[in-house]
């Protein structure tokens, strides 16, 4: 059956996208070669759609007041499981924190069928395909930006956007600039726990990305993430 709701329809369009040949080829290559520990897994190996709030199972409305924006799917994480921030250490860290602050139904995020549901939250990325070296090109960021714009326009109850990392913030700010909400990107420099409020647009919050490079070194701790999510909770309520 074809998707019947706008967010579901948008997700199907994202999945079908083949706009960036380099990323399409890389996702397929990773899905074919696989990592040894996942050799029995069927990799998703396509653009990863938005992780939508709620479901028909719980009756939770498919609306979000919090939008979490990451960089891109991990090659053996979301590119394998088909769900944003699922199946890797970054996702383990993020969903554990989201659960503690009441934005997710459980802390565990192992695969797309694990029962995890988002509560009033949508998780996306500025690039929907896994990039080589986890580094999308500026053109790939631009080519994927229209998916963010369409997602944003469907979230009529949105109150705050949490940008995970400086690239996510810059991408969101470029979108805000196109909408006339920001004059210069330099008005909103990146910093952990930085917050920017606007009269006619959702607030922006910043956090270091929950990559292993940040969490294993202590640059981003659980308490630091919880503090930012606590602020997000205050804004949405």
C-alpha atoms as a PDB file:
ATOM      1  CA  UNK A   1       0.000   0.000   0.000  1.00  0.00           C
ATOM      2  CA  UNK A   2       1.337   3.454  -0.885  1.00  0.00           C
ATOM      3  CA  UNK A   3       2.160   5.814   1.984  1.00  0.00           C
ATOM      4  CA  UNK A   4      -0.894   7.898   2.871  1.00  0.00           C
ATOM      5  CA  UNK A   5       0.560  10.609   5.101  1.00  0.00           C
ATOM      6  CA  UNK A   6       2.808  13.481   3.986  1.00  0.00           C
ATOM      7  CA  UNK A   7       5.777  12.494   6.173  1.00  0.00           C
ATOM      8  CA  UNK A   8       5.527   8.892   4.968  1.00  0.00           C
ATOM      9  CA  UNK A   9       5.284  10.055   1.368  1.00  0.00           C
ATOM     10  CA  UNK A  10       8.338  12.249   1.836  1.00  0.00           C
ATOM     11  CA  UNK A  11      10.266   9.342   3.342  1.00  0.00           C
ATOM     12  CA  UNK A  12       9.537   7.210   0.281  1.00  0.00           C
ATOM     13  CA  UNK A  13      10.822   9.980  -1.976  1.00  0.00           C
ATOM     14  CA  UNK A  14      14.011  10.183   0.100  1.00  0.00           C
ATOM     15  CA  UNK A  15      14.532   6.418  -0.169  1.00  0.00           C
ATOM     16  CA  UNK A  16      14.100   6.553  -3.951  1.00  0.00           C
ATOM     17  CA  UNK A  17      16.581   9.430  -4.416  1.00  0.00           C
ATOM     18  CA  UNK A  18      19.619   8.768  -6.645  1.00  0.00           C
ATOM     19  CA  UNK A  19      20.770  12.347  -7.079  1.00  0.00           C
ATOM     20  CA  UNK A  20      24.372  11.867  -5.881  1.00  0.00           C
ATOM     21  CA  UNK A  21      26.152   9.113  -7.888  1.00  0.00           C
ATOM     22  CA  UNK A  22      29.171   8.971  -5.556  1.00  0.00           C
ATOM     23  CA  UNK A  23      26.974   8.326  -2.524  1.00  0.00           C
ATOM     24  CA  UNK A  24      24.741   5.820  -4.308  1.00  0.00           C
ATOM     25  CA  UNK A  25      27.817   3.849  -5.396  1.00  0.00           C
ATOM     26  CA  UNK A  26      29.396   3.988  -1.937  1.00  0.00           C
ATOM     27  CA  UNK A  27      26.255   2.844  -0.107  1.00  0.00           C
ATOM     28  CA  UNK A  28      25.903  -0.098  -2.487  1.00  0.00           C
ATOM     29  CA  UNK A  29      29.586  -0.966  -2.144  1.00  0.00           C
ATOM     30  CA  UNK A  30      29.409  -1.011   1.661  1.00  0.00           C
ATOM     31  CA  UNK A  31      26.239  -3.087   1.511  1.00  0.00           C
ATOM     32  CA  UNK A  32      27.964  -5.583  -0.743  1.00  0.00           C
ATOM     33  CA  UNK A  33      31.326  -5.807   1.008  1.00  0.00           C
ATOM     34  CA  UNK A  34      29.985  -5.530   4.593  1.00  0.00           C
ATOM     35  CA  UNK A  35      31.923  -5.544   7.824  1.00  0.00           C
ATOM     36  CA  UNK A  36      32.890  -9.017   9.049  1.00  0.00           C
ATOM     37  CA  UNK A  37      30.748  -8.836  12.187  1.00  0.00           C
ATOM     38  CA  UNK A  38      27.685  -8.022  10.052  1.00  0.00           C
ATOM     39  CA  UNK A  39      28.323 -10.440   7.192  1.00  0.00           C
ATOM     40  CA  UNK A  40      24.960 -12.174   7.809  1.00  0.00           C
ATOM     41  CA  UNK A  41      23.031  -8.873   7.804  1.00  0.00           C
ATOM     42  CA  UNK A  42      21.100  -7.583   4.832  1.00  0.00           C
ATOM     43  CA  UNK A  43      22.317  -3.998   4.516  1.00  0.00           C
ATOM     44  CA  UNK A  44      19.807  -1.240   3.760  1.00  0.00           C
ATOM     45  CA  UNK A  45      22.367   0.422   1.422  1.00  0.00           C
ATOM     46  CA  UNK A  46      20.061   3.234   0.282  1.00  0.00           C
ATOM     47  CA  UNK A  47      19.203   6.753   1.418  1.00  0.00           C
ATOM     48  CA  UNK A  48      18.071   6.570   5.048  1.00  0.00           C
ATOM     49  CA  UNK A  49      14.689   8.238   5.618  1.00  0.00           C
ATOM     50  CA  UNK A  50      13.664  10.436   8.515  1.00  0.00           C
ATOM     51  CA  UNK A  51      12.975   8.596  11.769  1.00  0.00           C
ATOM     52  CA  UNK A  52       9.415   9.729  12.362  1.00  0.00           C
ATOM     53  CA  UNK A  53       7.697  10.352  15.698  1.00  0.00           C
ATOM     54  CA  UNK A  54       5.174   7.865  17.039  1.00  0.00           C
ATOM     55  CA  UNK A  55       3.357   5.161  15.140  1.00  0.00           C
ATOM     56  CA  UNK A  56      -0.021   3.635  14.560  1.00  0.00           C
ATOM     57  CA  UNK A  57       0.895   1.053  17.222  1.00  0.00           C
ATOM     58  CA  UNK A  58       0.845   3.529  20.106  1.00  0.00           C
ATOM     59  CA  UNK A  59      -1.463   6.135  18.681  1.00  0.00           C
ATOM     60  CA  UNK A  60       1.174   8.812  19.270  1.00  0.00           C
ATOM     61  CA  UNK A  61       0.528  11.571  16.703  1.00  0.00           C
ATOM     62  CA  UNK A  62       3.071  11.884  13.927  1.00  0.00           C
ATOM     63  CA  UNK A  63       4.031  15.393  14.958  1.00  0.00           C
ATOM     64  CA  UNK A  64       7.224  16.732  16.447  1.00  0.00           C
ATOM     65  CA  UNK A  65       8.185  19.710  18.547  1.00  0.00           C
ATOM     66  CA  UNK A  66      11.848  18.647  18.609  1.00  0.00           C
ATOM     67  CA  UNK A  67      13.858  18.030  15.442  1.00  0.00           C
ATOM     68  CA  UNK A  68      17.271  16.373  15.899  1.00  0.00           C
ATOM     69  CA  UNK A  69      19.653  16.914  12.978  1.00  0.00           C
ATOM     70  CA  UNK A  70      22.806  14.850  12.482  1.00  0.00           C
ATOM     71  CA  UNK A  71      25.409  14.796   9.723  1.00  0.00           C
ATOM     72  CA  UNK A  72      24.885  11.583   7.727  1.00  0.00           C
ATOM     73  CA  UNK A  73      24.220   7.852   8.181  1.00  0.00           C
ATOM     74  CA  UNK A  74      27.162   5.761   9.351  1.00  0.00           C
ATOM     75  CA  UNK A  75      28.370   3.213   6.806  1.00  0.00           C
ATOM     76  CA  UNK A  76      27.780   0.219   9.084  1.00  0.00           C
ATOM     77  CA  UNK A  77      25.156   1.877  11.292  1.00  0.00           C
ATOM     78  CA  UNK A  78      22.138   3.484   9.641  1.00  0.00           C
ATOM     79  CA  UNK A  79      23.323   2.439   6.175  1.00  0.00           C
ATOM     80  CA  UNK A  80      23.024  -1.117   7.486  1.00  0.00           C
ATOM     81  CA  UNK A  81      19.846  -0.865   9.572  1.00  0.00           C
ATOM     82  CA  UNK A  82      17.912   1.683   7.520  1.00  0.00           C
ATOM     83  CA  UNK A  83      17.089   3.902  10.495  1.00  0.00           C
ATOM     84  CA  UNK A  84      18.792   7.107  11.584  1.00  0.00           C
ATOM     85  CA  UNK A  85      21.464   6.683  14.299  1.00  0.00           C
ATOM     86  CA  UNK A  86      20.658   2.982  14.682  1.00  0.00           C
ATOM     87  CA  UNK A  87      23.169   0.167  15.000  1.00  0.00           C
ATOM     88  CA  UNK A  88      26.270   2.079  16.101  1.00  0.00           C
ATOM     89  CA  UNK A  89      27.821   3.673  19.190  1.00  0.00           C
ATOM     90  CA  UNK A  90      26.669   7.184  18.271  1.00  0.00           C
ATOM     91  CA  UNK A  91      23.081   6.011  18.221  1.00  0.00           C
ATOM     92  CA  UNK A  92      23.484   4.109  21.485  1.00  0.00           C
ATOM     93  CA  UNK A  93      24.611   7.349  23.126  1.00  0.00           C
ATOM     94  CA  UNK A  94      21.943   9.532  21.512  1.00  0.00           C
ATOM     95  CA  UNK A  95      18.898   7.342  22.115  1.00  0.00           C
ATOM     96  CA  UNK A  96      19.896   6.602  25.682  1.00  0.00           C
ATOM     97  CA  UNK A  97      19.889  10.350  26.332  1.00  0.00           C
ATOM     98  CA  UNK A  98      16.656  10.918  24.404  1.00  0.00           C
ATOM     99  CA  UNK A  99      15.003   8.184  26.447  1.00  0.00           C
ATOM    100  CA  UNK A 100      16.152   9.683  29.743  1.00  0.00           C
ATOM    101  CA  UNK A 101      14.594  13.020  28.768  1.00  0.00           C
ATOM    102  CA  UNK A 102      11.315  11.493  27.587  1.00  0.00           C
ATOM    103  CA  UNK A 103      11.875  11.915  23.849  1.00  0.00           C
ATOM    104  CA  UNK A 104      12.158   8.170  23.094  1.00  0.00           C
ATOM    105  CA  UNK A 105      10.258   5.114  24.305  1.00  0.00           C
ATOM    106  CA  UNK A 106      13.394   3.100  25.137  1.00  0.00           C
ATOM    107  CA  UNK A 107      17.151   3.463  25.342  1.00  0.00           C
ATOM    108  CA  UNK A 108      18.075   0.596  23.013  1.00  0.00           C
ATOM    109  CA  UNK A 109      18.478   1.140  19.269  1.00  0.00           C
ATOM    110  CA  UNK A 110      19.733  -1.991  17.537  1.00  0.00           C
ATOM    111  CA  UNK A 111      17.677  -2.280  14.349  1.00  0.00           C
ATOM    112  CA  UNK A 112      14.569  -0.896  12.677  1.00  0.00           C
ATOM    113  CA  UNK A 113      12.356  -3.558  14.271  1.00  0.00           C
ATOM    114  CA  UNK A 114      13.513  -3.126  17.892  1.00  0.00           C
ATOM    115  CA  UNK A 115      10.333  -1.361  19.045  1.00  0.00           C
ATOM    116  CA  UNK A 116      11.929   2.042  19.627  1.00  0.00           C
ATOM    117  CA  UNK A 117       9.557   4.950  19.055  1.00  0.00           C
ATOM    118  CA  UNK A 118      10.218   8.666  19.170  1.00  0.00           C
ATOM    119  CA  UNK A 119       7.964  10.819  21.319  1.00  0.00           C
ATOM    120  CA  UNK A 120       7.246  14.236  19.857  1.00  0.00           C
ATOM    121  CA  UNK A 121      10.617  14.075  18.118  1.00  0.00           C
ATOM    122  CA  UNK A 122      11.920  13.506  14.592  1.00  0.00           C
ATOM    123  CA  UNK A 123      15.513  12.500  13.836  1.00  0.00           C
ATOM    124  CA  UNK A 124      17.068  13.368  10.489  1.00  0.00           C
ATOM    125  CA  UNK A 125      20.430  14.246   8.924  1.00  0.00           C
ATOM    126  CA  UNK A 126      21.650  16.903   6.526  1.00  0.00           C
ATOM    127  CA  UNK A 127      22.769  14.116   4.172  1.00  0.00           C
ATOM    128  CA  UNK A 128      20.651  10.959   3.875  1.00  0.00           C
ATOM    129  CA  UNK A 129      23.313   8.676   2.362  1.00  0.00           C
ATOM    130  CA  UNK A 130      26.477   7.400   4.030  1.00  0.00           C
ATOM    131  CA  UNK A 131      29.451   9.340   2.578  1.00  0.00           C
ATOM    132  CA  UNK A 132      33.002   7.997   2.175  1.00  0.00           C
ATOM    133  CA  UNK A 133      35.063   8.897   5.218  1.00  0.00           C
ATOM    134  CA  UNK A 134      31.913  10.343   6.770  1.00  0.00           C
ATOM    135  CA  UNK A 135      32.624  13.522   4.779  1.00  0.00           C
ATOM    136  CA  UNK A 136      29.982  14.679   2.299  1.00  0.00           C
ATOM    137  CA  UNK A 137      31.074  17.226  -0.277  1.00  0.00           C
ATOM    138  CA  UNK A 138      29.654  20.737  -0.294  1.00  0.00           C
ATOM    139  CA  UNK A 139      27.697  19.842  -3.438  1.00  0.00           C
ATOM    140  CA  UNK A 140      26.223  16.747  -1.772  1.00  0.00           C
ATOM    141  CA  UNK A 141      25.173  18.850   1.207  1.00  0.00           C
ATOM    142  CA  UNK A 142      23.491  21.290  -1.160  1.00  0.00           C
ATOM    143  CA  UNK A 143      21.837  18.551  -3.219  1.00  0.00           C
ATOM    144  CA  UNK A 144      20.325  16.997  -0.081  1.00  0.00           C
ATOM    145  CA  UNK A 145      19.165  20.282   1.462  1.00  0.00           C
ATOM    146  CA  UNK A 146      15.739  20.232  -0.185  1.00  0.00           C
ATOM    147  CA  UNK A 147      14.814  17.143   1.850  1.00  0.00           C
ATOM    148  CA  UNK A 148      15.427  19.113   5.040  1.00  0.00           C
ATOM    149  CA  UNK A 149      13.299  21.987   3.753  1.00  0.00           C
ATOM    150  CA  UNK A 150      10.416  19.654   2.945  1.00  0.00           C
ATOM    151  CA  UNK A 151      10.705  17.927   6.312  1.00  0.00           C
ATOM    152  CA  UNK A 152      10.711  21.260   8.133  1.00  0.00           C
ATOM    153  CA  UNK A 153       7.605  22.464   6.300  1.00  0.00           C
ATOM    154  CA  UNK A 154       5.645  19.388   7.393  1.00  0.00           C
ATOM    155  CA  UNK A 155       6.451  19.875  11.095  1.00  0.00           C
ATOM    156  CA  UNK A 156       3.820  22.483  11.921  1.00  0.00           C
ATOM    157  CA  UNK A 157       4.291  22.133  15.703  1.00  0.00           C
ATOM    158  CA  UNK A 158       8.088  22.417  15.643  1.00  0.00           C
ATOM    159  CA  UNK A 159       9.574  24.452  18.508  1.00  0.00           C
ATOM    160  CA  UNK A 160      13.306  23.676  18.534  1.00  0.00           C
ATOM    161  CA  UNK A 161      15.989  22.137  16.321  1.00  0.00           C
ATOM    162  CA  UNK A 162      18.949  20.361  17.934  1.00  0.00           C
ATOM    163  CA  UNK A 163      21.984  20.487  15.637  1.00  0.00           C
ATOM    164  CA  UNK A 164      24.527  17.736  16.289  1.00  0.00           C
ATOM    165  CA  UNK A 165      27.834  19.211  15.185  1.00  0.00           C
ATOM    166  CA  UNK A 166      28.963  22.291  13.304  1.00  0.00           C
ATOM    167  CA  UNK A 167      28.097  21.000   9.822  1.00  0.00           C
ATOM    168  CA  UNK A 168      24.515  20.308  10.871  1.00  0.00           C
ATOM    169  CA  UNK A 169      24.256  23.805  12.339  1.00  0.00           C
ATOM    170  CA  UNK A 170      25.694  25.425   9.222  1.00  0.00           C
ATOM    171  CA  UNK A 171      23.272  23.527   6.990  1.00  0.00           C
ATOM    172  CA  UNK A 172      20.286  24.547   9.108  1.00  0.00           C
ATOM    173  CA  UNK A 173      21.494  28.153   9.201  1.00  0.00           C
ATOM    174  CA  UNK A 174      21.744  28.225   5.403  1.00  0.00           C
ATOM    175  CA  UNK A 175      18.123  27.108   5.295  1.00  0.00           C
ATOM    176  CA  UNK A 176      17.181  29.811   7.816  1.00  0.00           C
ATOM    177  CA  UNK A 177      19.074  32.336   5.703  1.00  0.00           C
ATOM    178  CA  UNK A 178      17.089  31.367   2.613  1.00  0.00           C
ATOM    179  CA  UNK A 179      13.881  31.859   4.606  1.00  0.00           C
ATOM    180  CA  UNK A 180      15.013  35.295   5.760  1.00  0.00           C
ATOM    181  CA  UNK A 181      15.351  34.393   9.450  1.00  0.00           C
ATOM    182  CA  UNK A 182      19.143  34.828   9.573  1.00  0.00           C
ATOM    183  CA  UNK A 183      21.175  37.518   7.841  1.00  0.00           C
ATOM    184  CA  UNK A 184      24.719  36.172   8.211  1.00  0.00           C
ATOM    185  CA  UNK A 185      25.777  32.675   9.282  1.00  0.00           C
ATOM    186  CA  UNK A 186      28.409  34.202  11.563  1.00  0.00           C
ATOM    187  CA  UNK A 187      25.592  35.536  13.752  1.00  0.00           C
ATOM    188  CA  UNK A 188      25.185  32.024  15.155  1.00  0.00           C
ATOM    189  CA  UNK A 189      28.600  30.413  15.798  1.00  0.00           C
ATOM    190  CA  UNK A 190      28.734  26.764  16.807  1.00  0.00           C
ATOM    191  CA  UNK A 191      29.428  25.819  20.397  1.00  0.00           C
ATOM    192  CA  UNK A 192      28.198  23.058  22.641  1.00  0.00           C
ATOM    193  CA  UNK A 193      24.961  24.151  24.369  1.00  0.00           C
ATOM    194  CA  UNK A 194      24.767  27.305  22.237  1.00  0.00           C
ATOM    195  CA  UNK A 195      21.183  28.496  21.816  1.00  0.00           C
ATOM    196  CA  UNK A 196      19.680  30.875  19.274  1.00  0.00           C
ATOM    197  CA  UNK A 197      16.126  32.172  19.434  1.00  0.00           C
ATOM    198  CA  UNK A 198      14.084  33.735  16.639  1.00  0.00           C
ATOM    199  CA  UNK A 199      10.801  35.604  16.613  1.00  0.00           C
ATOM    200  CA  UNK A 200       9.286  33.721  13.688  1.00  0.00           C
ATOM    201  CA  UNK A 201      11.232  30.432  13.557  1.00  0.00           C
ATOM    202  CA  UNK A 202      12.036  27.509  15.868  1.00  0.00           C
ATOM    203  CA  UNK A 203      14.919  27.978  18.298  1.00  0.00           C
ATOM    204  CA  UNK A 204      18.261  26.352  17.530  1.00  0.00           C
ATOM    205  CA  UNK A 205      20.276  24.342  20.056  1.00  0.00           C
ATOM    206  CA  UNK A 206      23.760  22.945  19.475  1.00  0.00           C
ATOM    207  CA  UNK A 207      25.598  19.893  20.750  1.00  0.00           C
ATOM    208  CA  UNK A 208      28.832  18.205  19.866  1.00  0.00           C
ATOM    209  CA  UNK A 209      28.068  15.261  17.608  1.00  0.00           C
ATOM    210  CA  UNK A 210      27.812  11.983  19.580  1.00  0.00           C
ATOM    211  CA  UNK A 211      30.565  10.375  17.516  1.00  0.00           C
ATOM    212  CA  UNK A 212      32.986   8.005  19.219  1.00  0.00           C
ATOM    213  CA  UNK A 213      35.687  10.610  18.632  1.00  0.00           C
ATOM    214  CA  UNK A 214      33.781  12.922  20.974  1.00  0.00           C
ATOM    215  CA  UNK A 215      32.220  10.496  23.460  1.00  0.00           C
ATOM    216  CA  UNK A 216      35.256   8.242  23.970  1.00  0.00           C
ATOM    217  CA  UNK A 217      37.539  11.219  24.611  1.00  0.00           C
ATOM    218  CA  UNK A 218      35.163  12.905  27.051  1.00  0.00           C
ATOM    219  CA  UNK A 219      34.625  15.916  24.836  1.00  0.00           C
ATOM    220  CA  UNK A 220      30.925  15.033  24.968  1.00  0.00           C
ATOM    221  CA  UNK A 221      29.680  13.363  28.142  1.00  0.00           C
ATOM    222  CA  UNK A 222      26.260  11.988  28.942  1.00  0.00           C
ATOM    223  CA  UNK A 223      25.593  14.811  31.387  1.00  0.00           C
ATOM    224  CA  UNK A 224      26.501  17.383  28.718  1.00  0.00           C
ATOM    225  CA  UNK A 225      24.012  15.845  26.291  1.00  0.00           C
ATOM    226  CA  UNK A 226      21.337  15.609  28.968  1.00  0.00           C
ATOM    227  CA  UNK A 227      21.796  19.283  29.814  1.00  0.00           C
ATOM    228  CA  UNK A 228      21.130  20.258  26.198  1.00  0.00           C
ATOM    229  CA  UNK A 229      18.151  17.927  25.918  1.00  0.00           C
ATOM    230  CA  UNK A 230      16.855  19.287  29.205  1.00  0.00           C
ATOM    231  CA  UNK A 231      16.855  22.736  27.656  1.00  0.00           C
ATOM    232  CA  UNK A 232      15.024  21.325  24.623  1.00  0.00           C
ATOM    233  CA  UNK A 233      12.431  19.854  26.970  1.00  0.00           C
ATOM    234  CA  UNK A 234      11.885  23.261  28.558  1.00  0.00           C
ATOM    235  CA  UNK A 235      11.373  24.866  25.143  1.00  0.00           C
ATOM    236  CA  UNK A 236       8.878  22.306  23.843  1.00  0.00           C
ATOM    237  CA  UNK A 237       6.815  22.442  27.011  1.00  0.00           C
END
